[in-house]
Amino acid sequence: MRFAFTVALALLAALPAPAQHSRIPAEIAGEGWDSLAHRLAAVEQAVPLVRSTREIGVTWGGAPHMAESDLRVTLLVLDLGPATDVSERQSLHLAMFNVIAEFGTAWSLTPVADVWAFHGARRLEAGIYEIDAEVLDFSTEACVFHRAAIRVDARELSAVVRRARGLGEFDSRRFRHPVAIETRLLGCIR
């Protein structure tokens, strides 16, 4: 199994950079392709949080249209690679991907936190998610490892990605908007 995984990674790394006509977004094509390949290879888990389809009003070519919006929200857990006994081992990212009929895609990738260990994630309400993890806190010598609840308020980002204002026909664009992240320590583990 390890050999097959190594061969798959070697093949991915050997792929040429995508051509100009590729559907891979321009901001990651070329030199960024290696960075994307590295991130994809490092994904340990993809935790689906939302899959929501609805009709939205869009404007393309100056004319209003109704189009189906298929919004997906996923928490990605990435392996940070070699770690010491007191360094984070996983990086958490909130990914949003919205396919708008045949018109285009809007997406977002937001770093949330680096953690010692990820235990789970759930949707609390529209645009608000809670992550259960172990985090490191060096503010006291008595305890370094803590169980934590990480609350992510991405309501505004969800709305921005859902509406996809300014997205052109057959366009794929990354949308950025501030996300509120609050970490609450629940107790010492060790």
Protein backbone atom coordinates (compact mmCIF):
# COMPACT_ATOMS: atom_id res chain seq x y z
CA MET A 1 0.00 0.00 0.00
CA ARG A 2 2.80 2.41 0.91
CA PHE A 3 4.48 1.62 -2.44
CA ALA A 4 1.27 2.38 -4.36
CA PHE A 5 0.91 5.70 -2.52
CA THR A 6 4.55 6.58 -3.28
CA VAL A 7 4.07 5.76 -6.96
CA ALA A 8 0.88 7.88 -7.07
CA LEU A 9 2.71 10.84 -5.52
CA ALA A 10 5.62 10.41 -7.94
CA LEU A 11 3.22 10.42 -10.89
CA LEU A 12 1.44 13.52 -9.57
CA ALA A 13 4.76 15.30 -9.09
CA ALA A 14 5.84 14.35 -12.61
CA LEU A 15 2.77 15.93 -14.20
CA PRO A 16 3.60 18.94 -16.33
CA ALA A 17 2.20 22.30 -15.35
CA PRO A 18 -1.35 22.67 -16.69
CA ALA A 19 -1.78 24.16 -20.15
CA GLN A 20 -3.29 27.61 -20.69
CA HIS A 21 -6.63 26.07 -21.68
CA SER A 22 -6.80 24.02 -18.48
CA ARG A 23 -9.71 24.46 -16.06
CA ILE A 24 -7.24 24.80 -13.19
CA PRO A 25 -7.47 28.41 -11.90
CA ALA A 26 -4.69 30.63 -13.26
CA GLU A 27 -3.52 31.66 -9.78
CA ILE A 28 -2.35 28.10 -9.05
CA ALA A 29 -1.22 27.08 -12.54
CA GLY A 30 2.48 27.00 -13.38
CA GLU A 31 4.80 27.26 -10.38
CA GLY A 32 1.81 27.12 -8.02
CA TRP A 33 0.99 23.66 -9.39
CA ASP A 34 3.70 22.12 -7.17
CA SER A 35 2.20 23.85 -4.15
CA LEU A 36 -1.27 22.53 -5.03
CA ALA A 37 0.07 19.00 -5.52
CA HIS A 38 1.78 19.19 -2.12
CA ARG A 39 -1.41 20.38 -0.40
CA LEU A 40 -3.52 17.68 -2.05
CA ALA A 41 -1.03 15.01 -1.03
CA ALA A 42 -1.09 16.28 2.58
CA VAL A 43 -4.89 16.03 3.01
CA GLU A 44 -5.67 13.50 5.75
CA GLN A 45 -9.41 14.09 5.95
CA ALA A 46 -12.10 16.05 4.18
CA VAL A 47 -15.05 16.52 6.54
CA PRO A 48 -18.24 17.56 4.72
CA LEU A 49 -20.18 20.18 6.69
CA VAL A 50 -22.72 21.52 4.18
CA ARG A 51 -24.19 20.64 0.79
CA SER A 52 -26.88 23.16 -0.12
CA THR A 53 -28.56 23.58 -3.50
CA ARG A 54 -30.91 26.48 -4.25
CA GLU A 55 -31.96 28.87 -7.00
CA ILE A 56 -30.26 32.28 -6.92
CA GLY A 57 -30.53 35.40 -9.04
CA VAL A 58 -27.42 36.16 -11.06
CA THR A 59 -26.49 38.72 -13.70
CA TRP A 60 -24.41 37.63 -16.68
CA GLY A 61 -23.96 39.62 -19.84
CA GLY A 62 -25.98 42.45 -18.28
CA ALA A 63 -29.12 40.32 -18.10
CA PRO A 64 -30.67 38.78 -14.98
CA HIS A 65 -30.91 34.98 -14.79
CA MET A 66 -32.02 32.39 -12.27
CA ALA A 67 -29.38 29.74 -11.74
CA GLU A 68 -28.88 26.74 -9.48
CA SER A 69 -26.26 27.27 -6.79
CA ASP A 70 -24.63 24.15 -5.31
CA LEU A 71 -22.65 25.28 -2.24
CA ARG A 72 -20.34 22.80 -0.49
CA VAL A 73 -18.49 23.54 2.74
CA THR A 74 -15.74 21.14 3.83
CA LEU A 75 -13.20 21.17 6.62
CA LEU A 76 -9.83 19.98 5.32
CA VAL A 77 -7.35 18.39 7.72
CA LEU A 78 -3.79 18.55 6.38
CA ASP A 79 -0.73 16.74 7.73
CA LEU A 80 2.00 19.26 8.59
CA GLY A 81 4.73 16.64 8.20
CA PRO A 82 7.46 15.89 10.74
CA ALA A 83 6.73 17.35 14.19
CA THR A 84 8.36 17.45 17.59
CA ASP A 85 6.53 16.29 20.69
CA VAL A 86 5.43 19.90 21.31
CA SER A 87 4.53 21.21 17.87
CA GLU A 88 1.32 21.17 15.86
CA ARG A 89 0.78 18.16 13.62
CA GLN A 90 -2.28 19.15 11.61
CA SER A 91 -3.50 22.26 9.83
CA LEU A 92 -7.24 22.93 9.48
CA HIS A 93 -8.74 24.83 6.53
CA LEU A 94 -12.33 25.73 5.71
CA ALA A 95 -13.06 25.16 2.03
CA MET A 96 -16.11 26.49 0.20
CA PHE A 97 -16.95 25.56 -3.38
CA ASN A 98 -20.04 26.84 -5.21
CA VAL A 99 -20.97 25.59 -8.67
CA ILE A 100 -23.43 28.01 -10.25
CA ALA A 101 -25.33 26.11 -12.96
CA GLU A 102 -23.24 26.08 -16.13
CA PHE A 103 -22.01 29.62 -15.47
CA GLY A 104 -18.99 29.20 -13.22
CA THR A 105 -17.49 28.34 -9.85
CA ALA A 106 -16.81 30.46 -6.80
CA TRP A 107 -14.50 29.15 -4.11
CA SER A 108 -12.67 30.02 -0.93
CA LEU A 109 -9.98 28.39 1.19
CA THR A 110 -9.49 29.84 4.67
CA PRO A 111 -6.85 28.72 7.18
CA VAL A 112 -8.50 28.06 10.57
CA ALA A 113 -5.86 26.72 12.98
CA ASP A 114 -2.87 24.46 13.42
CA VAL A 115 -3.61 21.79 16.02
CA TRP A 116 -1.99 18.86 17.79
CA ALA A 117 -4.91 16.54 16.95
CA PHE A 118 -8.26 16.93 15.18
CA HIS A 119 -11.25 15.06 16.66
CA GLY A 120 -14.30 16.29 14.74
CA ALA A 121 -16.30 19.16 13.30
CA ARG A 122 -19.97 20.03 13.07
CA ARG A 123 -22.27 22.73 11.73
CA LEU A 124 -23.95 24.69 14.52
CA GLU A 125 -26.09 26.87 12.22
CA ALA A 126 -25.84 28.46 8.79
CA GLY A 127 -22.23 29.62 8.38
CA ILE A 128 -21.13 28.72 11.93
CA TYR A 129 -19.05 25.62 12.63
CA GLU A 130 -17.41 24.10 15.70
CA ILE A 131 -14.23 22.06 15.67
CA ASP A 132 -13.16 19.67 18.44
CA ALA A 133 -9.36 19.46 18.68
CA GLU A 134 -6.33 19.27 20.92
CA VAL A 135 -4.23 22.42 20.89
CA LEU A 136 -0.97 23.53 22.40
CA ASP A 137 -0.93 26.48 24.81
CA PHE A 138 2.40 27.52 26.31
CA SER A 139 0.99 30.33 28.49
CA THR A 140 1.45 28.21 31.62
CA GLU A 141 4.03 25.60 32.50
CA ALA A 142 1.46 23.49 34.35
CA CYS A 143 -0.25 22.27 31.18
CA VAL A 144 0.59 22.49 27.49
CA PHE A 145 -1.99 20.18 25.86
CA HIS A 146 -5.62 21.31 25.99
CA ARG A 147 -8.90 20.06 24.58
CA ALA A 148 -10.43 22.97 22.69
CA ALA A 149 -13.58 24.05 20.88
CA ILE A 150 -12.73 26.19 17.86
CA ARG A 151 -15.72 28.23 16.67
CA VAL A 152 -15.64 29.48 13.08
CA ASP A 153 -18.11 32.18 12.06
CA ALA A 154 -18.08 32.20 8.26
CA ARG A 155 -21.60 33.56 7.66
CA GLU A 156 -20.45 36.54 5.62
CA LEU A 157 -17.98 34.47 3.60
CA SER A 158 -20.72 31.91 2.87
CA ALA A 159 -22.97 34.68 1.55
CA VAL A 160 -20.16 36.13 -0.59
CA VAL A 161 -19.31 32.73 -2.11
CA ARG A 162 -23.01 31.91 -2.63
CA ARG A 163 -23.73 35.21 -4.46
CA ALA A 164 -20.44 35.17 -6.42
CA ARG A 165 -20.81 38.80 -7.51
CA GLY A 166 -18.59 39.70 -10.44
CA LEU A 167 -18.10 36.09 -11.54
CA GLY A 168 -17.95 35.89 -15.31
CA GLU A 169 -19.47 33.19 -17.46
CA PHE A 170 -17.39 29.96 -17.30
CA ASP A 171 -15.19 31.70 -14.74
CA SER A 172 -13.60 30.22 -11.62
CA ARG A 173 -12.65 32.70 -8.94
CA ARG A 174 -11.46 32.70 -5.35
CA PHE A 175 -13.44 34.91 -3.00
CA ARG A 176 -11.91 36.25 0.22
CA HIS A 177 -13.70 37.68 3.22
CA PRO A 178 -12.79 37.86 6.92
CA VAL A 179 -13.82 34.91 9.08
CA ALA A 180 -14.11 35.11 12.88
CA ILE A 181 -12.29 32.30 14.69
CA GLU A 182 -12.52 31.84 18.46
CA THR A 183 -10.68 29.14 20.40
CA ARG A 184 -12.05 28.15 23.79
CA LEU A 185 -9.86 25.91 25.97
CA LEU A 186 -12.00 23.19 27.59
CA GLY A 187 -9.45 21.64 29.91
CA CYS A 188 -5.97 20.31 30.40
CA ILE A 189 -5.17 16.95 28.83
CA ARG A 190 -1.56 16.54 29.99
